[in-house]
């Protein structure tokens, strides 16, 4: 739990470290469940950031990693069928929750004033 709190506080650093781990540690699907869980967690983290620059950089680097993964792990490239829906679902769900929460906070502020 403390790691996720630190990751949310230092989003740039945590997303950068995660992308580095993706490129250097996940060259095949030996750790499939860890890969899926970490992709879901960090995609949700990236979606909950206010900065569009952070979100776009994360998604671009994730796309580059997916291409690299598909090329380097030919026999394990089929795992992309499971990875892509998890990433999209985690990102879209977290982003919509974040946007709705921001709208609710704005509405509450307008009601107070």
C-alpha atoms as a PDB file:
ATOM      1  CA  UNK A   1       0.000   0.000   0.000  1.00  0.00           C
ATOM      2  CA  UNK A   2       2.846   2.374   0.815  1.00  0.00           C
ATOM      3  CA  UNK A   3       4.303   1.783  -2.646  1.00  0.00           C
ATOM      4  CA  UNK A   4       1.045   2.845  -4.296  1.00  0.00           C
ATOM      5  CA  UNK A   5       0.856   5.952  -2.109  1.00  0.00           C
ATOM      6  CA  UNK A   6       4.417   6.869  -3.114  1.00  0.00           C
ATOM      7  CA  UNK A   7       3.585   6.117  -6.742  1.00  0.00           C
ATOM      8  CA  UNK A   8       0.585   8.437  -6.636  1.00  0.00           C
ATOM      9  CA  UNK A   9       2.681  11.189  -5.043  1.00  0.00           C
ATOM     10  CA  UNK A  10       5.546  10.890  -7.539  1.00  0.00           C
ATOM     11  CA  UNK A  11       3.658   9.976 -10.701  1.00  0.00           C
ATOM     12  CA  UNK A  12       6.349  10.925 -13.218  1.00  0.00           C
ATOM     13  CA  UNK A  13       8.997   8.884 -11.438  1.00  0.00           C
ATOM     14  CA  UNK A  14       6.802   5.856 -10.835  1.00  0.00           C
ATOM     15  CA  UNK A  15       5.492   5.702 -14.407  1.00  0.00           C
ATOM     16  CA  UNK A  16       9.012   6.155 -15.753  1.00  0.00           C
ATOM     17  CA  UNK A  17      10.317   3.369 -13.552  1.00  0.00           C
ATOM     18  CA  UNK A  18       7.455   1.109 -14.602  1.00  0.00           C
ATOM     19  CA  UNK A  19       8.068   1.709 -18.305  1.00  0.00           C
ATOM     20  CA  UNK A  20      11.760   0.969 -17.724  1.00  0.00           C
ATOM     21  CA  UNK A  21      10.844  -2.292 -16.022  1.00  0.00           C
ATOM     22  CA  UNK A  22       8.553  -3.130 -18.933  1.00  0.00           C
ATOM     23  CA  UNK A  23      11.334  -2.705 -21.462  1.00  0.00           C
ATOM     24  CA  UNK A  24      14.023  -4.546 -19.519  1.00  0.00           C
ATOM     25  CA  UNK A  25      12.217  -7.171 -17.415  1.00  0.00           C
ATOM     26  CA  UNK A  26       9.202  -8.241 -19.440  1.00  0.00           C
ATOM     27  CA  UNK A  27      10.705  -9.584 -22.658  1.00  0.00           C
ATOM     28  CA  UNK A  28       8.385 -12.571 -22.693  1.00  0.00           C
ATOM     29  CA  UNK A  29       5.274 -13.792 -20.900  1.00  0.00           C
ATOM     30  CA  UNK A  30       6.966 -15.814 -18.150  1.00  0.00           C
ATOM     31  CA  UNK A  31       5.454 -13.568 -15.465  1.00  0.00           C
ATOM     32  CA  UNK A  32       2.076 -13.203 -17.147  1.00  0.00           C
ATOM     33  CA  UNK A  33      -0.108 -12.528 -14.088  1.00  0.00           C
ATOM     34  CA  UNK A  34       2.349  -9.989 -12.678  1.00  0.00           C
ATOM     35  CA  UNK A  35       2.483  -8.317 -16.075  1.00  0.00           C
ATOM     36  CA  UNK A  36      -1.311  -8.083 -16.339  1.00  0.00           C
ATOM     37  CA  UNK A  37      -1.713  -6.807 -12.774  1.00  0.00           C
ATOM     38  CA  UNK A  38       1.025  -4.204 -13.111  1.00  0.00           C
ATOM     39  CA  UNK A  39      -0.310  -2.990 -16.457  1.00  0.00           C
ATOM     40  CA  UNK A  40      -3.770  -2.548 -14.943  1.00  0.00           C
ATOM     41  CA  UNK A  41      -2.486  -0.742 -11.842  1.00  0.00           C
ATOM     42  CA  UNK A  42      -0.170   1.639 -13.660  1.00  0.00           C
ATOM     43  CA  UNK A  43      -2.660   2.343 -16.457  1.00  0.00           C
ATOM     44  CA  UNK A  44      -5.193   3.306 -13.794  1.00  0.00           C
ATOM     45  CA  UNK A  45      -2.548   5.480 -12.119  1.00  0.00           C
ATOM     46  CA  UNK A  46      -1.738   7.210 -15.398  1.00  0.00           C
ATOM     47  CA  UNK A  47      -5.432   7.808 -16.078  1.00  0.00           C
ATOM     48  CA  UNK A  48      -5.932   9.498 -12.719  1.00  0.00           C
ATOM     49  CA  UNK A  49      -3.303  12.165 -13.369  1.00  0.00           C
ATOM     50  CA  UNK A  50      -4.489  15.663 -14.238  1.00  0.00           C
ATOM     51  CA  UNK A  51      -1.676  16.335 -16.708  1.00  0.00           C
ATOM     52  CA  UNK A  52      -2.529  15.311 -20.256  1.00  0.00           C
ATOM     53  CA  UNK A  53       1.194  15.293 -21.036  1.00  0.00           C
ATOM     54  CA  UNK A  54       1.823  12.513 -18.511  1.00  0.00           C
ATOM     55  CA  UNK A  55      -1.082  10.462 -19.847  1.00  0.00           C
ATOM     56  CA  UNK A  56      -0.018  10.868 -23.455  1.00  0.00           C
ATOM     57  CA  UNK A  57       3.633  10.052 -22.788  1.00  0.00           C
ATOM     58  CA  UNK A  58       2.639   6.951 -20.809  1.00  0.00           C
ATOM     59  CA  UNK A  59       0.296   5.718 -23.536  1.00  0.00           C
ATOM     60  CA  UNK A  60       2.892   6.381 -26.251  1.00  0.00           C
ATOM     61  CA  UNK A  61       5.622   4.512 -24.370  1.00  0.00           C
ATOM     62  CA  UNK A  62       3.198   1.688 -23.645  1.00  0.00           C
ATOM     63  CA  UNK A  63       2.373   1.420 -27.352  1.00  0.00           C
ATOM     64  CA  UNK A  64       6.099   1.329 -28.199  1.00  0.00           C
ATOM     65  CA  UNK A  65       6.607  -1.403 -25.593  1.00  0.00           C
ATOM     66  CA  UNK A  66       3.725  -3.435 -27.009  1.00  0.00           C
ATOM     67  CA  UNK A  67       5.245  -3.283 -30.480  1.00  0.00           C
ATOM     68  CA  UNK A  68       8.641  -4.249 -29.087  1.00  0.00           C
ATOM     69  CA  UNK A  69       7.047  -7.087 -27.086  1.00  0.00           C
ATOM     70  CA  UNK A  70       5.212  -8.426 -30.125  1.00  0.00           C
ATOM     71  CA  UNK A  71       8.419  -8.406 -32.173  1.00  0.00           C
ATOM     72  CA  UNK A  72      10.808  -9.824 -29.571  1.00  0.00           C
ATOM     73  CA  UNK A  73       8.549 -12.475 -28.029  1.00  0.00           C
ATOM     74  CA  UNK A  74       7.036 -14.020 -31.124  1.00  0.00           C
ATOM     75  CA  UNK A  75       5.624 -17.088 -29.397  1.00  0.00           C
ATOM     76  CA  UNK A  76       4.280 -15.035 -26.477  1.00  0.00           C
ATOM     77  CA  UNK A  77       2.783 -12.280 -28.616  1.00  0.00           C
ATOM     78  CA  UNK A  78      -0.620 -13.940 -28.285  1.00  0.00           C
ATOM     79  CA  UNK A  79      -0.710 -12.639 -24.702  1.00  0.00           C
ATOM     80  CA  UNK A  80      -1.402  -9.226 -26.238  1.00  0.00           C
ATOM     81  CA  UNK A  81      -4.974 -10.493 -26.657  1.00  0.00           C
ATOM     82  CA  UNK A  82      -5.290 -10.463 -22.861  1.00  0.00           C
ATOM     83  CA  UNK A  83      -3.096  -7.422 -22.192  1.00  0.00           C
ATOM     84  CA  UNK A  84      -4.805  -4.930 -24.468  1.00  0.00           C
ATOM     85  CA  UNK A  85      -8.352  -5.237 -23.036  1.00  0.00           C
ATOM     86  CA  UNK A  86      -7.008  -5.027 -19.476  1.00  0.00           C
ATOM     87  CA  UNK A  87      -5.070  -1.860 -20.272  1.00  0.00           C
ATOM     88  CA  UNK A  88      -7.960  -0.212 -22.111  1.00  0.00           C
ATOM     89  CA  UNK A  89     -10.509  -1.160 -19.458  1.00  0.00           C
ATOM     90  CA  UNK A  90      -8.326   0.029 -16.567  1.00  0.00           C
ATOM     91  CA  UNK A  91      -7.434   3.304 -18.296  1.00  0.00           C
ATOM     92  CA  UNK A  92     -10.928   4.190 -19.499  1.00  0.00           C
ATOM     93  CA  UNK A  93     -12.623   3.239 -16.226  1.00  0.00           C
ATOM     94  CA  UNK A  94     -10.137   5.169 -14.093  1.00  0.00           C
ATOM     95  CA  UNK A  95     -10.241   8.180 -16.383  1.00  0.00           C
ATOM     96  CA  UNK A  96     -14.034   8.354 -16.352  1.00  0.00           C
ATOM     97  CA  UNK A  97     -14.129   7.998 -12.553  1.00  0.00           C
ATOM     98  CA  UNK A  98     -11.532  10.773 -12.235  1.00  0.00           C
ATOM     99  CA  UNK A  99     -13.458  13.099 -14.568  1.00  0.00           C
ATOM    100  CA  UNK A 100     -16.765  12.442 -12.783  1.00  0.00           C
ATOM    101  CA  UNK A 101     -15.156  13.067  -9.401  1.00  0.00           C
ATOM    102  CA  UNK A 102     -13.749  16.374 -10.649  1.00  0.00           C
ATOM    103  CA  UNK A 103     -17.172  17.403 -11.962  1.00  0.00           C
ATOM    104  CA  UNK A 104     -18.775  16.524  -8.628  1.00  0.00           C
ATOM    105  CA  UNK A 105     -16.204  18.599  -6.771  1.00  0.00           C
ATOM    106  CA  UNK A 106     -16.816  21.527  -9.122  1.00  0.00           C
ATOM    107  CA  UNK A 107     -20.576  21.236  -8.551  1.00  0.00           C
ATOM    108  CA  UNK A 108     -20.076  21.153  -4.786  1.00  0.00           C
ATOM    109  CA  UNK A 109     -17.878  24.267  -4.952  1.00  0.00           C
ATOM    110  CA  UNK A 110     -20.494  26.091  -7.029  1.00  0.00           C
ATOM    111  CA  UNK A 111     -23.227  25.130  -4.565  1.00  0.00           C
ATOM    112  CA  UNK A 112     -21.171  26.501  -1.665  1.00  0.00           C
ATOM    113  CA  UNK A 113     -20.614  29.880  -3.286  1.00  0.00           C
END
